[in-house]
């Protein structure tokens, strides 16, 4: 389920946001990085919604710095 829009979609259609064991948060375009994950549609609008509602922070149980969100938006805009 997308953390931004709430739509149920197959995992392959979503992008995973992962919190690694050391607490770093990053975009996982392959879906294979180790750690706790949350999913978001591969568009910046859903990422913005998830950011505004703090859905990713709740799902990953950690505070996400603004710089990480900005980096994720850039990666998404560039397609990875």
N, C-alpha and C. Protein backbone atom coordinates (compact mmCIF):
# COMPACT_ATOMS: atom_id res chain seq x y z
N UNK A 1 0.85 -1.18 0.00
CA UNK A 1 0.00 0.00 0.00
C UNK A 1 0.89 1.24 0.00
N UNK A 2 0.54 2.20 -0.81
CA UNK A 2 1.29 3.46 -0.89
C UNK A 2 1.04 4.29 0.37
N UNK A 3 2.12 4.78 0.97
CA UNK A 3 2.01 5.61 2.17
C UNK A 3 1.47 7.00 1.84
N UNK A 4 1.52 7.38 0.57
CA UNK A 4 1.05 8.71 0.16
C UNK A 4 -0.43 8.74 -0.15
N UNK A 5 -0.85 7.93 -1.13
CA UNK A 5 -2.25 7.97 -1.58
C UNK A 5 -3.10 6.88 -0.94
N UNK A 6 -2.49 5.85 -0.36
CA UNK A 6 -3.23 4.79 0.30
C UNK A 6 -3.75 3.71 -0.64
N UNK A 7 -3.39 3.77 -1.91
CA UNK A 7 -3.85 2.77 -2.87
C UNK A 7 -3.08 1.47 -2.70
N UNK A 8 -3.81 0.37 -2.83
CA UNK A 8 -3.18 -0.95 -2.80
C UNK A 8 -2.69 -1.26 -4.21
N UNK A 9 -1.41 -1.56 -4.33
CA UNK A 9 -0.81 -1.90 -5.62
C UNK A 9 0.19 -3.01 -5.41
N UNK A 10 0.52 -3.75 -6.47
CA UNK A 10 1.56 -4.77 -6.33
C UNK A 10 2.90 -4.13 -5.95
N UNK A 11 3.70 -4.85 -5.17
CA UNK A 11 4.99 -4.32 -4.73
C UNK A 11 5.86 -3.85 -5.88
N UNK A 12 5.79 -4.56 -6.99
CA UNK A 12 6.63 -4.23 -8.15
C UNK A 12 6.33 -2.84 -8.71
N UNK A 13 5.12 -2.33 -8.47
CA UNK A 13 4.74 -1.01 -8.98
C UNK A 13 5.07 0.11 -8.01
N UNK A 14 5.53 -0.24 -6.81
CA UNK A 14 5.82 0.76 -5.79
C UNK A 14 7.32 0.88 -5.55
N UNK A 15 7.73 2.00 -4.97
CA UNK A 15 9.13 2.21 -4.60
C UNK A 15 9.23 2.06 -3.09
N UNK A 16 10.24 1.37 -2.64
CA UNK A 16 10.43 1.11 -1.22
C UNK A 16 11.32 2.17 -0.60
N UNK A 17 10.90 2.66 0.55
CA UNK A 17 11.72 3.55 1.36
C UNK A 17 12.16 2.71 2.54
N UNK A 18 13.46 2.65 2.79
CA UNK A 18 13.98 1.72 3.80
C UNK A 18 14.77 2.43 4.89
N UNK A 19 14.57 1.95 6.13
CA UNK A 19 15.39 2.40 7.26
C UNK A 19 16.35 1.26 7.58
N UNK A 20 17.64 1.54 7.40
CA UNK A 20 18.66 0.53 7.65
C UNK A 20 18.87 0.35 9.15
N UNK A 21 19.63 -0.65 9.51
CA UNK A 21 19.90 -0.94 10.90
C UNK A 21 20.61 0.20 11.64
N UNK A 22 21.38 1.00 10.90
CA UNK A 22 22.08 2.11 11.53
C UNK A 22 21.22 3.38 11.62
N UNK A 23 19.96 3.29 11.16
CA UNK A 23 19.03 4.41 11.28
C UNK A 23 18.95 5.31 10.06
N UNK A 24 19.78 5.05 9.04
CA UNK A 24 19.72 5.88 7.83
C UNK A 24 18.50 5.50 7.00
N UNK A 25 17.90 6.51 6.37
CA UNK A 25 16.70 6.30 5.55
C UNK A 25 17.07 6.62 4.10
N UNK A 26 16.66 5.74 3.19
CA UNK A 26 16.98 5.96 1.78
C UNK A 26 15.91 5.33 0.90
N UNK A 27 15.94 5.70 -0.37
CA UNK A 27 15.03 5.16 -1.36
C UNK A 27 15.63 3.85 -1.87
N UNK A 28 14.82 2.81 -1.95
CA UNK A 28 15.28 1.50 -2.41
C UNK A 28 14.56 1.19 -3.71
N UNK A 29 15.18 1.54 -4.83
CA UNK A 29 14.54 1.35 -6.13
C UNK A 29 14.55 -0.11 -6.56
N UNK A 30 15.44 -0.93 -5.97
CA UNK A 30 15.50 -2.35 -6.32
C UNK A 30 14.56 -3.19 -5.46
N UNK A 31 14.22 -2.70 -4.26
CA UNK A 31 13.37 -3.45 -3.35
C UNK A 31 14.10 -4.53 -2.60
N UNK A 32 15.46 -4.48 -2.61
CA UNK A 32 16.23 -5.56 -2.01
C UNK A 32 17.14 -5.13 -0.86
N UNK A 33 17.14 -3.84 -0.52
CA UNK A 33 18.00 -3.39 0.58
C UNK A 33 17.48 -3.96 1.90
N UNK A 34 18.39 -4.30 2.81
CA UNK A 34 17.94 -4.81 4.11
C UNK A 34 17.44 -3.68 5.00
N UNK A 35 16.47 -3.98 5.83
CA UNK A 35 15.94 -3.00 6.77
C UNK A 35 14.43 -2.94 6.73
N UNK A 36 13.88 -2.07 7.56
CA UNK A 36 12.43 -1.89 7.64
C UNK A 36 11.98 -1.03 6.46
N UNK A 37 10.94 -1.44 5.78
CA UNK A 37 10.51 -0.72 4.58
C UNK A 37 9.09 -0.21 4.64
N UNK A 38 8.86 0.82 3.85
CA UNK A 38 7.52 1.36 3.61
C UNK A 38 7.47 1.64 2.11
N UNK A 39 6.28 1.65 1.57
CA UNK A 39 6.15 1.78 0.12
C UNK A 39 5.44 3.06 -0.27
N UNK A 40 5.83 3.59 -1.45
CA UNK A 40 5.22 4.80 -1.99
C UNK A 40 5.20 4.67 -3.51
N UNK A 41 4.17 5.26 -4.14
CA UNK A 41 4.09 5.24 -5.60
C UNK A 41 5.31 5.95 -6.19
N UNK A 42 5.73 5.56 -7.39
CA UNK A 42 6.95 6.16 -7.97
C UNK A 42 6.70 7.54 -8.58
N UNK A 43 6.01 8.41 -7.87
CA UNK A 43 5.87 9.79 -8.34
C UNK A 43 6.02 10.74 -7.17
N UNK A 44 6.47 11.93 -7.46
CA UNK A 44 6.80 12.88 -6.40
C UNK A 44 5.55 13.36 -5.65
N UNK A 45 4.38 13.30 -6.29
CA UNK A 45 3.15 13.74 -5.63
C UNK A 45 2.81 12.86 -4.43
N UNK A 46 2.95 11.56 -4.58
CA UNK A 46 2.68 10.64 -3.47
C UNK A 46 3.73 10.80 -2.38
N UNK A 47 4.97 11.06 -2.77
CA UNK A 47 6.02 11.29 -1.78
C UNK A 47 5.72 12.56 -0.98
N UNK A 48 5.23 13.58 -1.65
CA UNK A 48 4.86 14.83 -0.97
C UNK A 48 3.71 14.60 0.01
N UNK A 49 2.72 13.81 -0.40
CA UNK A 49 1.60 13.50 0.50
C UNK A 49 2.07 12.73 1.72
N UNK A 50 2.93 11.74 1.50
CA UNK A 50 3.46 10.94 2.61
C UNK A 50 4.30 11.82 3.54
N UNK A 51 5.00 12.76 2.95
CA UNK A 51 5.82 13.69 3.74
C UNK A 51 4.94 14.59 4.60
N UNK A 52 3.88 15.12 4.00
CA UNK A 52 2.98 16.03 4.72
C UNK A 52 2.26 15.33 5.87
N UNK A 53 1.82 14.11 5.64
CA UNK A 53 1.07 13.37 6.67
C UNK A 53 1.99 12.61 7.63
N UNK A 54 3.29 12.66 7.38
CA UNK A 54 4.29 11.98 8.20
C UNK A 54 4.07 10.46 8.19
N UNK A 55 3.48 9.94 7.14
CA UNK A 55 3.18 8.51 7.06
C UNK A 55 4.45 7.66 7.03
N UNK A 56 5.49 8.13 6.34
CA UNK A 56 6.73 7.37 6.28
C UNK A 56 7.41 7.35 7.65
N UNK A 57 7.36 8.46 8.35
CA UNK A 57 7.96 8.52 9.69
C UNK A 57 7.27 7.54 10.63
N UNK A 58 5.96 7.45 10.54
CA UNK A 58 5.22 6.50 11.38
C UNK A 58 5.53 5.07 10.98
N UNK A 59 5.56 4.80 9.68
CA UNK A 59 5.80 3.44 9.20
C UNK A 59 7.21 2.96 9.53
N UNK A 60 8.18 3.87 9.44
CA UNK A 60 9.57 3.48 9.69
C UNK A 60 9.98 3.72 11.14
N UNK A 61 9.09 4.31 11.92
CA UNK A 61 9.32 4.54 13.35
C UNK A 61 10.60 5.34 13.61
N UNK A 62 10.81 6.39 12.80
CA UNK A 62 11.98 7.26 12.97
C UNK A 62 11.70 8.62 12.35
N UNK A 63 12.40 9.64 12.83
CA UNK A 63 12.28 10.97 12.23
C UNK A 63 13.10 10.98 10.94
N UNK A 64 12.54 11.59 9.90
CA UNK A 64 13.23 11.66 8.62
C UNK A 64 13.59 13.12 8.36
N UNK A 65 14.89 13.43 8.25
CA UNK A 65 15.31 14.81 8.00
C UNK A 65 14.82 15.33 6.64
N UNK A 66 14.61 16.64 6.55
CA UNK A 66 14.16 17.26 5.30
C UNK A 66 15.10 16.94 4.15
N UNK A 67 16.41 16.91 4.43
CA UNK A 67 17.39 16.65 3.38
C UNK A 67 17.18 15.28 2.73
N UNK A 68 16.75 14.32 3.52
CA UNK A 68 16.51 12.97 2.99
C UNK A 68 15.30 12.99 2.05
N UNK A 69 14.23 13.70 2.46
CA UNK A 69 13.06 13.83 1.58
C UNK A 69 13.45 14.49 0.25
N UNK A 70 14.25 15.55 0.32
CA UNK A 70 14.66 16.26 -0.89
C UNK A 70 15.48 15.36 -1.79
N UNK A 71 16.38 14.57 -1.20
CA UNK A 71 17.19 13.64 -1.97
C UNK A 71 16.31 12.57 -2.63
N UNK A 72 15.31 12.10 -1.89
CA UNK A 72 14.40 11.08 -2.44
C UNK A 72 13.61 11.67 -3.61
N UNK A 73 13.16 12.92 -3.49
CA UNK A 73 12.43 13.56 -4.59
C UNK A 73 13.30 13.68 -5.83
N UNK A 74 14.56 14.04 -5.65
CA UNK A 74 15.49 14.15 -6.79
C UNK A 74 15.69 12.80 -7.45
N UNK A 75 15.90 11.76 -6.62
CA UNK A 75 16.11 10.42 -7.17
C UNK A 75 14.89 9.96 -7.96
N UNK A 76 13.70 10.22 -7.42
CA UNK A 76 12.47 9.83 -8.07
C UNK A 76 12.29 10.58 -9.39
N UNK A 77 12.62 11.85 -9.39
CA UNK A 77 12.49 12.66 -10.60
C UNK A 77 13.44 12.18 -11.69
N UNK A 78 14.61 11.69 -11.28
CA UNK A 78 15.60 11.19 -12.23
C UNK A 78 15.38 9.72 -12.59
N UNK A 79 14.41 9.10 -11.95
CA UNK A 79 14.14 7.70 -12.24
C UNK A 79 15.14 6.76 -11.59
N UNK A 80 15.81 7.24 -10.57
CA UNK A 80 16.75 6.39 -9.85
C UNK A 80 18.15 6.73 -10.16
